[in-house]
Amino acid sequence: MEFLQLKYFCDAAKTQNLSKTAKKYYVPTSTVSIAIKKLEDELGHELFHHSSNKIALNEAGAEFYESISKALSIISDAKEKIKDSDTIKGEISIRCRSNRGALTRAMEEFLKDY
């Protein structure tokens, strides 16, 4: 089971359209279709009911989606925490009696850089 297969599956479950999922990930529709088929083969269950130009989760797919969407959310949160840990956080207080213009320019430069 691959991470990208799970992302394709969850997005296709939300949109109920393989073409929309393919456009979102900038891949051909066949790539999404093949990834989901491989996932279904690995699980030994079909996950969608297929009709003309539309898909819908079946019972097995709905159960799988519930668990996988939670797992992907946890992974996304972990990724954001790691990203945020490198950023500088806090508050700076500055008192200035004169030359506020120079201080304002310095703060603008600081904001551009950070």
PDB file of N, CA and C in Angstrom:
ATOM      1  N   MET A   1       0.854  -1.171   0.000  1.00  0.00           N
ATOM      2  CA  MET A   1       0.000   0.000   0.000  1.00  0.00           C
ATOM      3  C   MET A   1       0.902   1.236   0.000  1.00  0.00           C
ATOM      4  N   GLU A   2       0.643   2.108  -0.940  1.00  0.00           N
ATOM      5  CA  GLU A   2       1.462   3.296  -1.080  1.00  0.00           C
ATOM      6  C   GLU A   2       0.693   4.539  -0.641  1.00  0.00           C
ATOM      7  N   PHE A   3       1.445   5.495  -0.132  1.00  0.00           N
ATOM      8  CA  PHE A   3       0.856   6.739   0.359  1.00  0.00           C
ATOM      9  C   PHE A   3       0.056   7.447  -0.734  1.00  0.00           C
ATOM     10  N   LEU A   4       0.617   7.512  -1.936  1.00  0.00           N
ATOM     11  CA  LEU A   4      -0.061   8.199  -3.033  1.00  0.00           C
ATOM     12  C   LEU A   4      -1.359   7.487  -3.419  1.00  0.00           C
ATOM     13  N   GLN A   5      -1.374   6.169  -3.368  1.00  0.00           N
ATOM     14  CA  GLN A   5      -2.614   5.426  -3.630  1.00  0.00           C
ATOM     15  C   GLN A   5      -3.703   5.864  -2.649  1.00  0.00           C
ATOM     16  N   LEU A   6      -3.320   6.015  -1.396  1.00  0.00           N
ATOM     17  CA  LEU A   6      -4.286   6.402  -0.365  1.00  0.00           C
ATOM     18  C   LEU A   6      -4.783   7.830  -0.584  1.00  0.00           C
ATOM     19  N   LYS A   7      -3.884   8.715  -1.000  1.00  0.00           N
ATOM     20  CA  LYS A   7      -4.298  10.090  -1.293  1.00  0.00           C
ATOM     21  C   LYS A   7      -5.252  10.126  -2.483  1.00  0.00           C
ATOM     22  N   TYR A   8      -4.932   9.378  -3.524  1.00  0.00           N
ATOM     23  CA  TYR A   8      -5.828   9.296  -4.680  1.00  0.00           C
ATOM     24  C   TYR A   8      -7.191   8.748  -4.259  1.00  0.00           C
ATOM     25  N   PHE A   9      -7.161   7.685  -3.480  1.00  0.00           N
ATOM     26  CA  PHE A   9      -8.408   7.054  -3.035  1.00  0.00           C
ATOM     27  C   PHE A   9      -9.274   8.051  -2.264  1.00  0.00           C
ATOM     28  N   CYS A  10      -8.691   8.744  -1.298  1.00  0.00           N
ATOM     29  CA  CYS A  10      -9.473   9.687  -0.475  1.00  0.00           C
ATOM     30  C   CYS A  10     -10.025  10.829  -1.312  1.00  0.00           C
ATOM     31  N   ASP A  11      -9.227  11.345  -2.211  1.00  0.00           N
ATOM     32  CA  ASP A  11      -9.717  12.437  -3.045  1.00  0.00           C
ATOM     33  C   ASP A  11     -10.825  11.947  -3.974  1.00  0.00           C
ATOM     34  N   ALA A  12     -10.655  10.778  -4.562  1.00  0.00           N
ATOM     35  CA  ALA A  12     -11.688  10.226  -5.444  1.00  0.00           C
ATOM     36  C   ALA A  12     -12.967   9.946  -4.660  1.00  0.00           C
ATOM     37  N   ALA A  13     -12.824   9.531  -3.417  1.00  0.00           N
ATOM     38  CA  ALA A  13     -13.997   9.288  -2.575  1.00  0.00           C
ATOM     39  C   ALA A  13     -14.750  10.592  -2.321  1.00  0.00           C
ATOM     40  N   LYS A  14     -14.017  11.689  -2.135  1.00  0.00           N
ATOM     41  CA  LYS A  14     -14.652  12.993  -1.888  1.00  0.00           C
ATOM     42  C   LYS A  14     -15.313  13.541  -3.148  1.00  0.00           C
ATOM     43  N   THR A  15     -14.588  13.500  -4.255  1.00  0.00           N
ATOM     44  CA  THR A  15     -15.085  14.110  -5.494  1.00  0.00           C
ATOM     45  C   THR A  15     -16.033  13.197  -6.268  1.00  0.00           C
ATOM     46  N   GLN A  16     -15.932  11.904  -6.018  1.00  0.00           N
ATOM     47  CA  GLN A  16     -16.689  10.882  -6.757  1.00  0.00           C
ATOM     48  C   GLN A  16     -16.423  10.992  -8.255  1.00  0.00           C
ATOM     49  N   ASN A  17     -15.161  11.344  -8.579  1.00  0.00           N
ATOM     50  CA  ASN A  17     -14.802  11.520  -9.982  1.00  0.00           C
ATOM     51  C   ASN A  17     -13.294  11.338 -10.137  1.00  0.00           C
ATOM     52  N   LEU A  18     -12.894  10.322 -10.900  1.00  0.00           N
ATOM     53  CA  LEU A  18     -11.469  10.052 -11.088  1.00  0.00           C
ATOM     54  C   LEU A  18     -10.775  11.158 -11.888  1.00  0.00           C
ATOM     55  N   SER A  19     -11.484  11.756 -12.827  1.00  0.00           N
ATOM     56  CA  SER A  19     -10.889  12.823 -13.644  1.00  0.00           C
ATOM     57  C   SER A  19     -10.540  14.044 -12.796  1.00  0.00           C
ATOM     58  N   LYS A  20     -11.408  14.405 -11.872  1.00  0.00           N
ATOM     59  CA  LYS A  20     -11.128  15.550 -10.995  1.00  0.00           C
ATOM     60  C   LYS A  20      -9.924  15.278 -10.110  1.00  0.00           C
ATOM     61  N   THR A  21      -9.836  14.048  -9.611  1.00  0.00           N
ATOM     62  CA  THR A  21      -8.678  13.673  -8.796  1.00  0.00           C
ATOM     63  C   THR A  21      -7.407  13.744  -9.630  1.00  0.00           C
ATOM     64  N   ALA A  22      -7.469  13.238 -10.856  1.00  0.00           N
ATOM     65  CA  ALA A  22      -6.299  13.270 -11.744  1.00  0.00           C
ATOM     66  C   ALA A  22      -5.856  14.709 -12.013  1.00  0.00           C
ATOM     67  N   LYS A  23      -6.807  15.593 -12.255  1.00  0.00           N
ATOM     68  CA  LYS A  23      -6.463  16.994 -12.505  1.00  0.00           C
ATOM     69  C   LYS A  23      -5.815  17.623 -11.276  1.00  0.00           C
ATOM     70  N   LYS A  24      -6.328  17.307 -10.104  1.00  0.00           N
ATOM     71  CA  LYS A  24      -5.775  17.870  -8.867  1.00  0.00           C
ATOM     72  C   LYS A  24      -4.308  17.492  -8.693  1.00  0.00           C
ATOM     73  N   TYR A  25      -3.975  16.248  -9.044  1.00  0.00           N
ATOM     74  CA  TYR A  25      -2.610  15.751  -8.848  1.00  0.00           C
ATOM     75  C   TYR A  25      -1.759  15.827 -10.125  1.00  0.00           C
ATOM     76  N   TYR A  26      -2.311  16.447 -11.188  1.00  0.00           N
ATOM     77  CA  TYR A  26      -1.583  16.633 -12.438  1.00  0.00           C
ATOM     78  C   TYR A  26      -1.070  15.315 -13.021  1.00  0.00           C
ATOM     79  N   VAL A  27      -1.939  14.323 -13.029  1.00  0.00           N
ATOM     80  CA  VAL A  27      -1.608  13.023 -13.616  1.00  0.00           C
ATOM     81  C   VAL A  27      -2.755  12.608 -14.534  1.00  0.00           C
ATOM     82  N   PRO A  28      -2.497  11.650 -15.436  1.00  0.00           N
ATOM     83  CA  PRO A  28      -3.589  11.150 -16.271  1.00  0.00           C
ATOM     84  C   PRO A  28      -4.621  10.386 -15.427  1.00  0.00           C
ATOM     85  N   THR A  29      -5.840  10.376 -15.877  1.00  0.00           N
ATOM     86  CA  THR A  29      -6.903   9.652 -15.174  1.00  0.00           C
ATOM     87  C   THR A  29      -6.540   8.174 -15.028  1.00  0.00           C
ATOM     88  N   SER A  30      -5.876   7.628 -16.038  1.00  0.00           N
ATOM     89  CA  SER A  30      -5.491   6.213 -15.980  1.00  0.00           C
ATOM     90  C   SER A  30      -4.550   5.931 -14.802  1.00  0.00           C
ATOM     91  N   THR A  31      -3.715   6.891 -14.449  1.00  0.00           N
ATOM     92  CA  THR A  31      -2.800   6.721 -13.310  1.00  0.00           C
ATOM     93  C   THR A  31      -3.587   6.566 -12.012  1.00  0.00           C
ATOM     94  N   VAL A  32      -4.606   7.403 -11.834  1.00  0.00           N
ATOM     95  CA  VAL A  32      -5.444   7.322 -10.634  1.00  0.00           C
ATOM     96  C   VAL A  32      -6.216   6.005 -10.637  1.00  0.00           C
ATOM     97  N   SER A  33      -6.778   5.664 -11.779  1.00  0.00           N
ATOM     98  CA  SER A  33      -7.556   4.435 -11.906  1.00  0.00           C
ATOM     99  C   SER A  33      -6.710   3.198 -11.585  1.00  0.00           C
ATOM    100  N   ILE A  34      -5.506   3.157 -12.135  1.00  0.00           N
ATOM    101  CA  ILE A  34      -4.603   2.020 -11.893  1.00  0.00           C
ATOM    102  C   ILE A  34      -4.193   1.959 -10.424  1.00  0.00           C
ATOM    103  N   ALA A  35      -3.893   3.113  -9.828  1.00  0.00           N
ATOM    104  CA  ALA A  35      -3.493   3.146  -8.410  1.00  0.00           C
ATOM    105  C   ALA A  35      -4.613   2.613  -7.525  1.00  0.00           C
ATOM    106  N   ILE A  36      -5.836   3.037  -7.794  1.00  0.00           N
ATOM    107  CA  ILE A  36      -6.969   2.568  -6.989  1.00  0.00           C
ATOM    108  C   ILE A  36      -7.226   1.085  -7.228  1.00  0.00           C
ATOM    109  N   LYS A  37      -7.076   0.628  -8.466  1.00  0.00           N
ATOM    110  CA  LYS A  37      -7.253  -0.800  -8.774  1.00  0.00           C
ATOM    111  C   LYS A  37      -6.218  -1.635  -8.018  1.00  0.00           C
ATOM    112  N   LYS A  38      -4.968  -1.179  -7.983  1.00  0.00           N
ATOM    113  CA  LYS A  38      -3.923  -1.891  -7.237  1.00  0.00           C
ATOM    114  C   LYS A  38      -4.253  -1.930  -5.751  1.00  0.00           C
ATOM    115  N   LEU A  39      -4.777  -0.837  -5.238  1.00  0.00           N
ATOM    116  CA  LEU A  39      -5.177  -0.773  -3.833  1.00  0.00           C
ATOM    117  C   LEU A  39      -6.294  -1.780  -3.568  1.00  0.00           C
ATOM    118  N   GLU A  40      -7.283  -1.808  -4.450  1.00  0.00           N
ATOM    119  CA  GLU A  40      -8.386  -2.765  -4.307  1.00  0.00           C
ATOM    120  C   GLU A  40      -7.877  -4.204  -4.378  1.00  0.00           C
ATOM    121  N   ASP A  41      -6.943  -4.467  -5.281  1.00  0.00           N
ATOM    122  CA  ASP A  41      -6.367  -5.809  -5.394  1.00  0.00           C
ATOM    123  C   ASP A  41      -5.643  -6.211  -4.110  1.00  0.00           C
ATOM    124  N   GLU A  42      -4.897  -5.271  -3.561  1.00  0.00           N
ATOM    125  CA  GLU A  42      -4.161  -5.541  -2.327  1.00  0.00           C
ATOM    126  C   GLU A  42      -5.110  -5.809  -1.161  1.00  0.00           C
ATOM    127  N   LEU A  43      -6.198  -5.065  -1.105  1.00  0.00           N
ATOM    128  CA  LEU A  43      -7.176  -5.236  -0.028  1.00  0.00           C
ATOM    129  C   LEU A  43      -8.105  -6.425  -0.261  1.00  0.00           C
ATOM    130  N   GLY A  44      -8.213  -6.843  -1.513  1.00  0.00           N
ATOM    131  CA  GLY A  44      -9.108  -7.952  -1.843  1.00  0.00           C
ATOM    132  C   GLY A  44     -10.572  -7.550  -1.866  1.00  0.00           C
ATOM    133  N   HIS A  45     -10.833  -6.255  -2.021  1.00  0.00           N
ATOM    134  CA  HIS A  45     -12.206  -5.730  -2.066  1.00  0.00           C
ATOM    135  C   HIS A  45     -12.280  -4.565  -3.033  1.00  0.00           C
ATOM    136  N   GLU A  46     -13.373  -4.481  -3.760  1.00  0.00           N
ATOM    137  CA  GLU A  46     -13.632  -3.267  -4.525  1.00  0.00           C
ATOM    138  C   GLU A  46     -14.069  -2.199  -3.533  1.00  0.00           C
ATOM    139  N   LEU A  47     -13.715  -0.963  -3.822  1.00  0.00           N
ATOM    140  CA  LEU A  47     -14.011   0.133  -2.903  1.00  0.00           C
ATOM    141  C   LEU A  47     -15.087   1.081  -3.440  1.00  0.00           C
ATOM    142  N   PHE A  48     -15.357   1.002  -4.742  1.00  0.00           N
ATOM    143  CA  PHE A  48     -16.312   1.901  -5.378  1.00  0.00           C
ATOM    144  C   PHE A  48     -17.347   1.133  -6.193  1.00  0.00           C
ATOM    145  N   HIS A  49     -18.545   1.724  -6.291  1.00  0.00           N
ATOM    146  CA  HIS A  49     -19.533   1.336  -7.292  1.00  0.00           C
ATOM    147  C   HIS A  49     -19.242   2.228  -8.486  1.00  0.00           C
ATOM    148  N   HIS A  50     -19.170   1.651  -9.663  1.00  0.00           N
ATOM    149  CA  HIS A  50     -18.860   2.429 -10.865  1.00  0.00           C
ATOM    150  C   HIS A  50     -20.112   2.568 -11.726  1.00  0.00           C
ATOM    151  N   SER A  51     -20.339   3.784 -12.208  1.00  0.00           N
ATOM    152  CA  SER A  51     -21.381   4.032 -13.203  1.00  0.00           C
ATOM    153  C   SER A  51     -20.796   4.994 -14.224  1.00  0.00           C
ATOM    154  N   SER A  52     -21.540   5.343 -15.232  1.00  0.00           N
ATOM    155  CA  SER A  52     -20.986   6.197 -16.282  1.00  0.00           C
ATOM    156  C   SER A  52     -20.494   7.527 -15.708  1.00  0.00           C
ATOM    157  N   ASN A  53     -19.193   7.768 -15.848  1.00  0.00           N
ATOM    158  CA  ASN A  53     -18.540   9.019 -15.427  1.00  0.00           C
ATOM    159  C   ASN A  53     -18.690   9.364 -13.946  1.00  0.00           C
ATOM    160  N   LYS A  54     -19.086   8.412 -13.132  1.00  0.00           N
ATOM    161  CA  LYS A  54     -19.233   8.698 -11.708  1.00  0.00           C
ATOM    162  C   LYS A  54     -18.898   7.449 -10.904  1.00  0.00           C
ATOM    163  N   ILE A  55     -18.322   7.670  -9.750  1.00  0.00           N
ATOM    164  CA  ILE A  55     -18.051   6.571  -8.829  1.00  0.00           C
ATOM    165  C   ILE A  55     -18.638   6.934  -7.472  1.00  0.00           C
ATOM    166  N   ALA A  56     -18.927   5.931  -6.690  1.00  0.00           N
ATOM    167  CA  ALA A  56     -19.426   6.156  -5.329  1.00  0.00           C
ATOM    168  C   ALA A  56     -18.867   5.050  -4.444  1.00  0.00           C
ATOM    169  N   LEU A  57     -18.537   5.403  -3.230  1.00  0.00           N
ATOM    170  CA  LEU A  57     -18.022   4.403  -2.299  1.00  0.00           C
ATOM    171  C   LEU A  57     -19.059   3.322  -2.054  1.00  0.00           C
ATOM    172  N   ASN A  58     -18.599   2.080  -2.016  1.00  0.00           N
ATOM    173  CA  ASN A  58     -19.475   1.012  -1.561  1.00  0.00           C
ATOM    174  C   ASN A  58     -19.256   0.854  -0.053  1.00  0.00           C
ATOM    175  N   GLU A  59     -19.852  -0.155   0.553  1.00  0.00           N
ATOM    176  CA  GLU A  59     -19.757  -0.307   2.009  1.00  0.00           C
ATOM    177  C   GLU A  59     -18.311  -0.491   2.467  1.00  0.00           C
ATOM    178  N   ALA A  60     -17.571  -1.350   1.778  1.00  0.00           N
ATOM    179  CA  ALA A  60     -16.164  -1.578   2.140  1.00  0.00           C
ATOM    180  C   ALA A  60     -15.361  -0.292   1.951  1.00  0.00           C
ATOM    181  N   GLY A  61     -15.637   0.419   0.874  1.00  0.00           N
ATOM    182  CA  GLY A  61     -14.941   1.671   0.601  1.00  0.00           C
ATOM    183  C   GLY A  61     -15.209   2.729   1.652  1.00  0.00           C
ATOM    184  N   ALA A  62     -16.462   2.791   2.113  1.00  0.00           N
ATOM    185  CA  ALA A  62     -16.821   3.772   3.146  1.00  0.00           C
ATOM    186  C   ALA A  62     -16.090   3.481   4.449  1.00  0.00           C
ATOM    187  N   GLU A  63     -16.020   2.216   4.821  1.00  0.00           N
ATOM    188  CA  GLU A  63     -15.279   1.838   6.044  1.00  0.00           C
ATOM    189  C   GLU A  63     -13.808   2.179   5.912  1.00  0.00           C
ATOM    190  N   PHE A  64     -13.230   1.825   4.761  1.00  0.00           N
ATOM    191  CA  PHE A  64     -11.815   2.077   4.525  1.00  0.00           C
ATOM    192  C   PHE A  64     -11.542   3.577   4.512  1.00  0.00           C
ATOM    193  N   TYR A  65     -12.416   4.352   3.861  1.00  0.00           N
ATOM    194  CA  TYR A  65     -12.256   5.800   3.778  1.00  0.00           C
ATOM    195  C   TYR A  65     -12.244   6.429   5.173  1.00  0.00           C
ATOM    196  N   GLU A  66     -13.130   5.989   6.023  1.00  0.00           N
ATOM    197  CA  GLU A  66     -13.212   6.558   7.378  1.00  0.00           C
ATOM    198  C   GLU A  66     -11.875   6.441   8.101  1.00  0.00           C
ATOM    199  N   SER A  67     -11.271   5.278   8.025  1.00  0.00           N
ATOM    200  CA  SER A  67      -9.992   5.058   8.703  1.00  0.00           C
ATOM    201  C   SER A  67      -8.840   5.774   8.004  1.00  0.00           C
ATOM    202  N   ILE A  68      -8.786   5.666   6.702  1.00  0.00           N
ATOM    203  CA  ILE A  68      -7.665   6.239   5.954  1.00  0.00           C
ATOM    204  C   ILE A  68      -7.681   7.761   5.994  1.00  0.00           C
ATOM    205  N   SER A  69      -8.864   8.364   5.938  1.00  0.00           N
ATOM    206  CA  SER A  69      -8.911   9.827   5.984  1.00  0.00           C
ATOM    207  C   SER A  69      -8.406  10.331   7.332  1.00  0.00           C
ATOM    208  N   LYS A  70      -8.697   9.605   8.406  1.00  0.00           N
ATOM    209  CA  LYS A  70      -8.166   9.982   9.724  1.00  0.00           C
ATOM    210  C   LYS A  70      -6.643   9.854   9.735  1.00  0.00           C
ATOM    211  N   ALA A  71      -6.147   8.764   9.164  1.00  0.00           N
ATOM    212  CA  ALA A  71      -4.697   8.530   9.134  1.00  0.00           C
ATOM    213  C   ALA A  71      -3.986   9.618   8.328  1.00  0.00           C
ATOM    214  N   LEU A  72      -4.542   9.979   7.182  1.00  0.00           N
ATOM    215  CA  LEU A  72      -3.930  11.030   6.366  1.00  0.00           C
ATOM    216  C   LEU A  72      -3.970  12.380   7.069  1.00  0.00           C
ATOM    217  N   SER A  73      -5.019  12.616   7.829  1.00  0.00           N
ATOM    218  CA  SER A  73      -5.113  13.853   8.602  1.00  0.00           C
ATOM    219  C   SER A  73      -4.031  13.907   9.676  1.00  0.00           C
ATOM    220  N   ILE A  74      -3.802  12.795  10.339  1.00  0.00           N
ATOM    221  CA  ILE A  74      -2.753  12.717  11.362  1.00  0.00           C
ATOM    222  C   ILE A  74      -1.383  12.953  10.733  1.00  0.00           C
ATOM    223  N   ILE A  75      -1.155  12.366   9.581  1.00  0.00           N
ATOM    224  CA  ILE A  75       0.121  12.556   8.879  1.00  0.00           C
ATOM    225  C   ILE A  75       0.288  14.012   8.475  1.00  0.00           C
ATOM    226  N   SER A  76      -0.766  14.623   7.976  1.00  0.00           N
ATOM    227  CA  SER A  76      -0.717  16.031   7.583  1.00  0.00           C
ATOM    228  C   SER A  76      -0.411  16.923   8.788  1.00  0.00           C
ATOM    229  N   ASP A  77      -1.051  16.637   9.921  1.00  0.00           N
ATOM    230  CA  ASP A  77      -0.793  17.412  11.140  1.00  0.00           C
ATOM    231  C   ASP A  77       0.657  17.270  11.585  1.00  0.00           C
ATOM    232  N   ALA A  78       1.182  16.055  11.517  1.00  0.00           N
ATOM    233  CA  ALA A  78       2.575  15.818  11.905  1.00  0.00           C
ATOM    234  C   ALA A  78       3.521  16.596  10.990  1.00  0.00           C
ATOM    235  N   LYS A  79       3.208  16.613   9.714  1.00  0.00           N
ATOM    236  CA  LYS A  79       4.023  17.344   8.744  1.00  0.00           C
ATOM    237  C   LYS A  79       4.014  18.843   9.064  1.00  0.00           C
ATOM    238  N   GLU A  80       2.864  19.378   9.389  1.00  0.00           N
ATOM    239  CA  GLU A  80       2.760  20.805   9.725  1.00  0.00           C
ATOM    240  C   GLU A  80       3.526  21.135  11.000  1.00  0.00           C
ATOM    241  N   LYS A  81       3.484  20.245  11.991  1.00  0.00           N
ATOM    242  CA  LYS A  81       4.226  20.482  13.230  1.00  0.00           C
ATOM    243  C   LYS A  81       5.721  20.565  12.969  1.00  0.00           C
ATOM    244  N   ILE A  82       6.203  19.683  12.109  1.00  0.00           N
ATOM    245  CA  ILE A  82       7.626  19.692  11.771  1.00  0.00           C
ATOM    246  C   ILE A  82       7.976  20.984  11.047  1.00  0.00           C
ATOM    247  N   LYS A  83       7.139  21.393  10.101  1.00  0.00           N
ATOM    248  CA  LYS A  83       7.381  22.637   9.375  1.00  0.00           C
ATOM    249  C   LYS A  83       7.402  23.814  10.337  1.00  0.00           C
ATOM    250  N   ASP A  84       6.423  23.851  11.246  1.00  0.00           N
ATOM    251  CA  ASP A  84       6.302  24.966  12.180  1.00  0.00           C
ATOM    252  C   ASP A  84       7.426  25.011  13.197  1.00  0.00           C
ATOM    253  N   SER A  85       8.077  23.888  13.472  1.00  0.00           N
ATOM    254  CA  SER A  85       9.118  23.870  14.494  1.00  0.00           C
ATOM    255  C   SER A  85      10.351  24.652  14.059  1.00  0.00           C
ATOM    256  N   ASP A  86      10.522  24.866  12.756  1.00  0.00           N
ATOM    257  CA  ASP A  86      11.674  25.612  12.258  1.00  0.00           C
ATOM    258  C   ASP A  86      11.439  27.121  12.228  1.00  0.00           C
ATOM    259  N   THR A  87      10.228  27.528  12.454  1.00  0.00           N
ATOM    260  CA  THR A  87       9.937  28.954  12.378  1.00  0.00           C
ATOM    261  C   THR A  87      10.152  29.617  13.730  1.00  0.00           C
ATOM    262  N   ILE A  88      10.515  30.866  13.656  1.00  0.00           N
ATOM    263  CA  ILE A  88      10.709  31.649  14.866  1.00  0.00           C
ATOM    264  C   ILE A  88       9.359  32.199  15.277  1.00  0.00           C
ATOM    265  N   LYS A  89       9.013  31.991  16.521  1.00  0.00           N
ATOM    266  CA  LYS A  89       7.731  32.475  17.012  1.00  0.00           C
ATOM    267  C   LYS A  89       7.963  33.367  18.219  1.00  0.00           C
ATOM    268  N   GLY A  90       7.064  34.274  18.428  1.00  0.00           N
ATOM    269  CA  GLY A  90       7.166  35.118  19.600  1.00  0.00           C
ATOM    270  C   GLY A  90       6.707  36.523  19.284  1.00  0.00           C
ATOM    271  N   GLU A  91       6.878  37.355  20.248  1.00  0.00           N
ATOM    272  CA  GLU A  91       6.438  38.733  20.128  1.00  0.00           C
ATOM    273  C   GLU A  91       7.597  39.638  20.489  1.00  0.00           C
ATOM    274  N   ILE A  92       7.727  40.712  19.744  1.00  0.00           N
ATOM    275  CA  ILE A  92       8.778  41.686  20.004  1.00  0.00           C
ATOM    276  C   ILE A  92       8.104  43.003  20.365  1.00  0.00           C
ATOM    277  N   SER A  93       8.552  43.596  21.447  1.00  0.00           N
ATOM    278  CA  SER A  93       8.061  44.920  21.841  1.00  0.00           C
ATOM    279  C   SER A  93       9.222  45.896  21.728  1.00  0.00           C
ATOM    280  N   ILE A  94       8.970  47.018  21.068  1.00  0.00           N
ATOM    281  CA  ILE A  94      10.016  48.016  20.874  1.00  0.00           C
ATOM    282  C   ILE A  94       9.454  49.376  21.273  1.00  0.00           C
ATOM    283  N   ARG A  95      10.213  50.071  22.108  1.00  0.00           N
ATOM    284  CA  ARG A  95       9.840  51.443  22.454  1.00  0.00           C
ATOM    285  C   ARG A  95      10.821  52.358  21.751  1.00  0.00           C
ATOM    286  N   CYS A  96      10.291  53.361  21.098  1.00  0.00           N
ATOM    287  CA  CYS A  96      11.138  54.262  20.338  1.00  0.00           C
ATOM    288  C   CYS A  96      10.654  55.681  20.536  1.00  0.00           C
ATOM    289  N   ARG A  97      11.558  56.549  20.980  1.00  0.00           N
ATOM    290  CA  ARG A  97      11.179  57.945  21.198  1.00  0.00           C
ATOM    291  C   ARG A  97      11.476  58.819  19.995  1.00  0.00           C
ATOM    292  N   SER A  98      12.437  58.415  19.188  1.00  0.00           N
ATOM    293  CA  SER A  98      12.770  59.247  18.033  1.00  0.00           C
ATOM    294  C   SER A  98      13.078  58.361  16.828  1.00  0.00           C
ATOM    295  N   ASN A  99      13.070  58.968  15.674  1.00  0.00           N
ATOM    296  CA  ASN A  99      13.406  58.323  14.413  1.00  0.00           C
ATOM    297  C   ASN A  99      12.561  57.076  14.145  1.00  0.00           C
ATOM    298  N   ARG A 100      11.263  57.244  14.288  1.00  0.00           N
ATOM    299  CA  ARG A 100      10.352  56.130  14.027  1.00  0.00           C
ATOM    300  C   ARG A 100      10.429  55.658  12.579  1.00  0.00           C
ATOM    301  N   GLY A 101      10.743  56.559  11.664  1.00  0.00           N
ATOM    302  CA  GLY A 101      10.843  56.186  10.247  1.00  0.00           C
ATOM    303  C   GLY A 101      11.905  55.136  10.017  1.00  0.00           C
ATOM    304  N   ALA A 102      13.072  55.302  10.645  1.00  0.00           N
ATOM    305  CA  ALA A 102      14.154  54.325  10.500  1.00  0.00           C
ATOM    306  C   ALA A 102      13.744  52.986  11.092  1.00  0.00           C
ATOM    307  N   LEU A 103      13.065  53.036  12.227  1.00  0.00           N
ATOM    308  CA  LEU A 103      12.602  51.807  12.862  1.00  0.00           C
ATOM    309  C   LEU A 103      11.557  51.110  11.990  1.00  0.00           C
ATOM    310  N   THR A 104      10.651  51.870  11.411  1.00  0.00           N
ATOM    311  CA  THR A 104       9.625  51.300  10.534  1.00  0.00           C
ATOM    312  C   THR A 104      10.265  50.630   9.323  1.00  0.00           C
ATOM    313  N   ARG A 105      11.249  51.282   8.714  1.00  0.00           N
ATOM    314  CA  ARG A 105      11.945  50.688   7.567  1.00  0.00           C
ATOM    315  C   ARG A 105      12.675  49.412   7.976  1.00  0.00           C
ATOM    316  N   ALA A 106      13.304  49.420   9.131  1.00  0.00           N
ATOM    317  CA  ALA A 106      14.008  48.228   9.612  1.00  0.00           C
ATOM    318  C   ALA A 106      13.026  47.083   9.853  1.00  0.00           C
ATOM    319  N   MET A 107      11.863  47.408  10.402  1.00  0.00           N
ATOM    320  CA  MET A 107      10.861  46.358  10.639  1.00  0.00           C
ATOM    321  C   MET A 107      10.333  45.816   9.314  1.00  0.00           C
ATOM    322  N   GLU A 108      10.136  46.667   8.323  1.00  0.00           N
ATOM    323  CA  GLU A 108       9.691  46.192   7.013  1.00  0.00           C
ATOM    324  C   GLU A 108      10.713  45.253   6.388  1.00  0.00           C
ATOM    325  N   GLU A 109      11.994  45.595   6.502  1.00  0.00           N
ATOM    326  CA  GLU A 109      13.060  44.730   5.973  1.00  0.00           C
ATOM    327  C   GLU A 109      13.067  43.384   6.716  1.00  0.00           C
ATOM    328  N   PHE A 110      12.903  43.441   8.014  1.00  0.00           N
ATOM    329  CA  PHE A 110      12.859  42.221   8.822  1.00  0.00           C
ATOM    330  C   PHE A 110      11.708  41.325   8.369  1.00  0.00           C
ATOM    331  N   LEU A 111      10.539  41.903   8.152  1.00  0.00           N
ATOM    332  CA  LEU A 111       9.373  41.126   7.723  1.00  0.00           C
ATOM    333  C   LEU A 111       9.577  40.512   6.344  1.00  0.00           C
ATOM    334  N   LYS A 112      10.267  41.213   5.450  1.00  0.00           N
ATOM    335  CA  LYS A 112      10.566  40.650   4.133  1.00  0.00           C
ATOM    336  C   LYS A 112      11.461  39.407   4.256  1.00  0.00           C
ATOM    337  N   ASP A 113      12.459  39.518   5.142  1.00  0.00           N
ATOM    338  CA  ASP A 113      13.423  38.429   5.307  1.00  0.00           C
ATOM    339  C   ASP A 113      12.868  37.249   6.089  1.00  0.00           C
ATOM    340  N   TYR A 114      11.942  37.528   7.010  1.00  0.00           N
ATOM    341  CA  TYR A 114      11.449  36.461   7.870  1.00  0.00           C
ATOM    342  C   TYR A 114       9.950  36.331   7.804  1.00  0.00           C
TER     343      TYR A 114
END
